[in-house]
Protein backbone atom coordinates (compact mmCIF):
# COMPACT_ATOMS: atom_id res chain seq x y z
CA MET A 1 -180.93 -49.04 -1.89
CA MET A 2 -182.58 -51.96 -0.60
CA LYS A 3 -181.38 -55.10 -2.11
CA PRO A 4 -183.08 -58.47 -2.22
CA ILE A 5 -181.58 -61.71 -0.71
CA SER A 6 -182.79 -65.57 -0.88
CA LEU A 7 -184.79 -66.23 2.32
CA GLY A 8 -184.09 -70.10 1.49
CA LEU A 9 -187.58 -70.50 0.41
CA THR A 10 -187.09 -70.97 -2.99
CA ILE A 11 -190.21 -73.41 -3.21
CA THR A 12 -192.59 -71.29 -1.33
CA PHE A 13 -191.41 -68.21 -3.49
CA PHE A 14 -192.95 -70.10 -6.73
CA VAL A 15 -195.89 -71.10 -4.80
CA LEU A 16 -196.54 -67.71 -3.61
CA SER A 17 -195.89 -66.29 -7.33
CA GLY A 18 -198.62 -68.83 -8.57
CA CYS A 19 -200.75 -67.45 -6.20
CA THR A 20 -200.55 -64.19 -6.68
CA ALA A 21 -200.82 -64.43 -10.24
CA LYS A 22 -204.19 -66.54 -9.61
CA LYS A 23 -204.99 -63.68 -7.19
CA THR A 24 -204.72 -60.65 -9.12
CA GLN A 25 -206.58 -62.35 -11.81
CA GLU A 26 -209.81 -62.71 -9.37
CA ALA A 27 -208.96 -59.03 -7.98
CA SER A 28 -209.16 -57.73 -11.50
CA THR A 29 -212.42 -59.06 -12.16
CA ARG A 30 -213.78 -58.33 -8.51
CA GLY A 31 -212.88 -54.65 -8.66
CA LEU A 32 -209.71 -55.70 -6.31
CA ILE A 33 -206.68 -53.81 -6.15
CA PRO A 34 -204.40 -56.19 -8.20
CA TYR A 35 -201.10 -56.60 -7.44
CA SER A 36 -197.39 -58.71 -7.88
CA ILE A 37 -194.42 -59.58 -5.58
CA LYS A 38 -191.28 -58.06 -6.91
CA LYS A 39 -188.83 -59.07 -3.32
CA ILE A 40 -189.43 -60.90 -0.52
CA PHE A 41 -186.85 -60.25 2.31
CA PRO A 42 -186.91 -62.07 5.40
CA HIS A 43 -188.02 -60.55 8.95
CA ASP A 44 -188.03 -61.10 12.32
CA ASN A 45 -190.21 -63.55 13.43
CA LYS A 46 -190.72 -62.54 16.93
CA ALA A 47 -191.25 -59.10 15.96
CA PHE A 48 -195.34 -58.09 16.85
CA THR A 49 -194.95 -55.55 14.13
CA GLN A 50 -197.09 -52.37 14.74
CA GLY A 51 -195.96 -49.98 12.61
CA LEU A 52 -193.87 -50.04 9.45
CA THR A 53 -192.36 -46.74 7.43
CA VAL A 54 -189.73 -46.13 5.32
CA ALA A 55 -187.57 -42.62 5.75
CA ASP A 56 -184.39 -41.71 3.28
CA GLY A 57 -184.11 -44.78 2.23
CA LYS A 58 -184.02 -46.99 5.72
CA LEU A 59 -186.80 -48.92 7.11
CA PHE A 60 -188.04 -47.93 10.30
CA GLU A 61 -190.47 -50.67 12.21
CA SER A 62 -192.26 -50.75 15.91
CA THR A 63 -193.82 -53.55 17.58
CA GLY A 64 -196.29 -54.56 20.54
CA GLN A 65 -196.60 -56.36 23.60
CA ALA A 66 -193.96 -56.90 26.03
CA GLY A 67 -190.68 -55.35 25.35
CA SER A 68 -192.14 -53.18 22.39
CA TRP A 69 -189.48 -51.74 20.45
CA ILE A 70 -188.82 -49.02 17.59
CA ALA A 71 -185.79 -49.79 15.66
CA GLU A 72 -184.40 -49.30 12.01
CA VAL A 73 -184.32 -52.58 10.25
CA ASP A 74 -181.46 -54.07 7.64
CA ILE A 75 -184.29 -55.36 5.02
CA ALA A 76 -181.09 -57.62 4.05
CA THR A 77 -181.24 -59.16 7.08
CA GLY A 78 -184.50 -58.28 8.84
CA THR A 79 -182.41 -57.44 12.39
CA GLN A 80 -182.45 -54.27 13.98
CA ASP A 81 -179.24 -51.88 13.84
CA LYS A 82 -180.57 -49.01 16.06
CA LYS A 83 -182.99 -49.71 18.64
CA VAL A 84 -185.20 -48.24 21.24
CA VAL A 85 -187.07 -50.46 24.20
CA LEU A 86 -190.05 -49.17 25.74
CA ASP A 87 -190.80 -49.78 29.41
CA GLU A 88 -192.87 -52.90 30.10
CA LYS A 89 -195.94 -50.49 31.40
CA TYR A 90 -196.15 -49.53 27.87
CA PHE A 91 -197.57 -51.26 24.51
CA GLY A 92 -196.00 -49.88 21.30
CA GLU A 93 -198.30 -49.04 18.64
CA GLY A 94 -197.74 -47.37 15.23
CA ILE A 95 -194.71 -45.01 14.11
CA SER A 96 -194.59 -42.08 11.70
CA ILE A 97 -191.46 -40.06 10.45
CA LEU A 98 -191.76 -36.26 9.63
CA ASN A 99 -188.49 -33.61 9.59
CA LYS A 100 -186.05 -36.25 11.04
CA LYS A 101 -188.09 -37.12 13.68
CA ILE A 102 -189.90 -40.41 15.02
CA TYR A 103 -193.30 -40.27 16.35
CA GLN A 104 -194.62 -43.09 17.96
CA LEU A 105 -198.31 -44.14 19.42
CA THR A 106 -199.37 -46.18 22.51
CA TRP A 107 -202.15 -48.56 22.74
CA GLN A 108 -203.96 -47.63 25.83
CA ASN A 109 -201.29 -45.22 27.74
CA HIS A 110 -202.95 -42.42 26.38
CA ILE A 111 -199.12 -40.94 25.26
CA GLY A 112 -196.94 -41.25 22.46
CA PHE A 113 -193.10 -40.50 22.25
CA ILE A 114 -191.06 -38.42 19.77
CA TYR A 115 -187.35 -39.42 19.09
CA ASP A 116 -184.72 -38.03 16.74
CA LEU A 117 -184.50 -39.77 13.78
CA LYS A 118 -180.53 -39.95 13.73
CA SER A 119 -179.43 -40.30 17.58
CA PHE A 120 -182.69 -42.02 18.28
CA LYS A 121 -183.16 -40.20 21.42
CA LYS A 122 -186.31 -39.03 23.04
CA ILE A 123 -186.72 -35.12 22.47
CA GLY A 124 -190.86 -35.45 23.88
CA GLU A 125 -193.91 -36.83 24.33
CA PHE A 126 -197.46 -35.91 23.34
CA ARG A 127 -201.04 -36.90 24.79
CA TYR A 128 -204.39 -38.04 23.44
CA ASP A 129 -207.75 -38.85 25.00
CA HIS A 130 -207.76 -42.29 22.71
CA GLU A 131 -206.53 -45.64 21.80
CA GLY A 132 -203.40 -45.45 19.89
CA TRP A 133 -203.18 -47.62 17.02
CA GLY A 134 -201.85 -46.51 13.68
CA ILE A 135 -200.18 -43.23 12.26
CA THR A 136 -198.81 -41.95 9.10
CA THR A 137 -198.32 -37.91 7.52
CA ASP A 138 -199.59 -36.48 4.56
CA ASP A 139 -196.68 -33.95 5.04
CA LYS A 140 -199.45 -31.48 6.24
CA ASN A 141 -201.32 -33.35 8.98
CA PHE A 142 -200.82 -36.50 11.09
CA ILE A 143 -203.28 -38.84 10.14
CA VAL A 144 -203.99 -41.71 13.51
CA SER A 145 -206.67 -44.56 13.88
CA ASP A 146 -207.90 -45.62 17.57
CA GLY A 147 -209.07 -49.19 16.03
CA THR A 148 -212.26 -47.97 14.82
CA SER A 149 -213.98 -46.58 11.90
CA LYS A 150 -212.26 -43.04 12.53
CA LEU A 151 -209.10 -41.68 11.31
CA ARG A 152 -208.17 -38.62 12.97
CA PHE A 153 -205.89 -35.53 11.35
CA LEU A 154 -203.46 -34.21 13.95
CA ASP A 155 -201.74 -30.57 13.74
CA THR A 156 -197.97 -31.14 13.17
CA LEU A 157 -196.82 -28.92 15.81
CA THR A 158 -199.63 -28.89 18.54
CA LEU A 159 -200.18 -32.58 17.74
CA GLN A 160 -203.93 -31.74 18.62
CA SER A 161 -206.97 -33.04 15.96
CA VAL A 162 -207.90 -30.23 13.63
CA LYS A 163 -210.25 -33.05 11.58
CA GLU A 164 -212.25 -36.15 11.61
CA ILE A 165 -213.58 -38.61 9.04
CA ILE A 166 -215.40 -41.77 9.33
CA VAL A 167 -214.16 -44.58 7.01
CA LYS A 168 -217.10 -45.67 4.52
CA GLU A 169 -217.73 -48.16 1.84
CA GLY A 170 -220.46 -47.92 0.09
CA GLY A 171 -222.05 -46.03 3.04
CA ASP A 172 -221.52 -48.76 5.24
CA VAL A 173 -219.26 -47.70 8.66
CA VAL A 174 -216.16 -49.33 8.10
CA GLU A 175 -214.28 -50.71 11.57
CA LYS A 176 -211.19 -51.94 13.05
CA ILE A 177 -209.05 -49.26 10.72
CA ASN A 178 -205.26 -50.24 12.52
CA GLU A 179 -201.91 -49.05 10.99
CA LEU A 180 -201.64 -46.29 7.94
CA GLU A 181 -199.78 -45.04 4.96
CA PHE A 182 -200.38 -42.26 2.98
CA ILE A 183 -199.44 -43.16 -0.34
CA ASP A 184 -200.06 -41.09 -3.71
CA GLY A 185 -202.66 -38.65 -1.86
CA PHE A 186 -204.43 -41.82 -0.73
CA ILE A 187 -204.73 -43.33 2.99
CA PHE A 188 -203.77 -47.10 2.96
CA ALA A 189 -204.60 -48.94 5.85
CA ASN A 190 -204.55 -52.36 7.48
CA GLN A 191 -208.21 -53.73 8.63
CA TRP A 192 -207.42 -55.63 11.61
CA GLN A 193 -208.37 -59.45 11.94
CA THR A 194 -208.58 -59.20 8.08
CA ASN A 195 -206.10 -60.02 5.07
CA TYR A 196 -207.15 -56.60 3.60
CA ILE A 197 -205.23 -53.04 2.96
CA LEU A 198 -208.05 -50.56 2.34
CA LYS A 199 -207.06 -47.71 -0.10
CA ILE A 200 -209.12 -44.54 1.76
CA ASN A 201 -209.74 -41.54 0.24
CA PRO A 202 -208.49 -39.09 3.34
CA ALA A 203 -211.22 -36.40 2.20
CA THR A 204 -214.18 -38.43 2.39
CA GLY A 205 -213.23 -41.51 3.97
CA GLU A 206 -214.86 -43.28 1.25
CA VAL A 207 -213.09 -47.04 1.06
CA VAL A 208 -212.04 -47.03 -3.01
CA GLY A 209 -210.37 -49.74 -3.14
CA ARG A 210 -208.81 -52.82 -1.60
CA MET A 211 -206.43 -55.70 -1.35
CA ASP A 212 -206.50 -59.26 -0.89
CA LEU A 213 -203.18 -60.28 0.34
CA SER A 214 -205.34 -64.06 1.41
CA ALA A 215 -202.62 -65.85 -0.17
CA LEU A 216 -199.47 -63.92 1.40
CA ALA A 217 -200.73 -64.69 4.76
CA GLU A 218 -202.11 -68.08 4.47
CA LYS A 219 -198.04 -69.47 3.36
CA MET A 220 -196.97 -67.20 6.45
CA TYR A 221 -199.05 -69.98 9.02
CA PRO A 222 -196.68 -73.42 7.92
CA LEU A 223 -193.29 -71.47 8.30
CA ASN A 224 -194.29 -69.92 11.69
CA PRO A 225 -197.28 -71.29 13.19
CA ALA A 226 -197.26 -68.61 16.08
CA ALA A 227 -197.75 -66.17 12.63
CA ASP A 228 -200.25 -63.55 13.67
CA VAL A 229 -202.39 -61.24 11.21
CA LEU A 230 -201.46 -58.85 8.52
CA ASN A 231 -199.65 -55.69 10.04
CA GLY A 232 -197.60 -53.21 9.01
CA ILE A 233 -197.59 -50.97 5.38
CA ALA A 234 -194.30 -49.25 4.17
CA TYR A 235 -193.99 -47.38 0.59
CA GLU A 236 -190.46 -46.75 -1.08
CA LYS A 237 -191.52 -43.67 -3.14
CA LYS A 238 -188.35 -44.31 -5.31
CA SER A 239 -188.85 -48.02 -6.68
CA LYS A 240 -192.72 -47.49 -5.53
CA LEU A 241 -192.74 -50.26 -4.12
CA LEU A 242 -195.04 -51.75 -1.10
CA LEU A 243 -193.32 -52.88 1.59
CA ILE A 244 -196.00 -55.34 3.78
CA THR A 245 -195.42 -58.10 6.72
CA GLY A 246 -197.53 -59.25 9.77
CA LYS A 247 -197.26 -60.02 13.31
CA LEU A 248 -194.12 -62.93 13.83
CA TRP A 249 -194.27 -62.99 10.26
CA PRO A 250 -190.83 -64.60 9.14
CA ALA A 251 -191.17 -62.67 5.78
CA LEU A 252 -191.80 -59.09 4.57
CA PHE A 253 -193.12 -58.97 1.09
CA ALA A 254 -192.38 -56.11 -1.60
CA LEU A 255 -195.53 -55.29 -4.18
CA LYS A 256 -195.76 -53.67 -7.31
CA ILE A 257 -199.66 -51.84 -7.65
CA ASN A 258 -200.50 -52.99 -10.99
């Protein structure tokens, strides 16, 4: 089970808690999804996070840029226990885990990789004709994003598209859909270059709610001036905690959706 540790950022924690309380109050009045911070964990501030997921009580992460990797991460320290580093020609993207296998996308190489969850040995590859961004699963299909408004549902055996939806909100198309996580019947998605996580109806593509995580993002930049955008969503089913981080962020937050 995941146990929190101190980051040595006690002052920051109380500032964040205060900001979150205020943000939660504002969210309720604006129809946003309210949340509260339950734990803060360390995160490797050199990790250009592209994907985040939990399986068997363990945290897994994927990164992009040169030296892209996937790894099992020790949440108590933020360090990588088991790791696969991609060839320099690949820019790693999102990951999803199903049936003891890790499925990884790459950005513009039009190729994905399949690994054995226990050994991290590569056991397969698959191809697609669009950019790879985020990936998650509803246990029936994989759901993938390509940075546009489109989400594709892939058969888990053939990895071929069986359905597509367009993400919309109030009739307007919503672009830049990125990292994905399937939670309690809904798709949660980072919207690239924003501090929003969108809650999407998988049947219609309609955005039915959003989380505004600006309060967290704004506190990351002073701690690491190189910190980039919010990116990375994982859900720990037992505790019902939402784990979120960002590219080059020094912290990972465990949130409770209120």
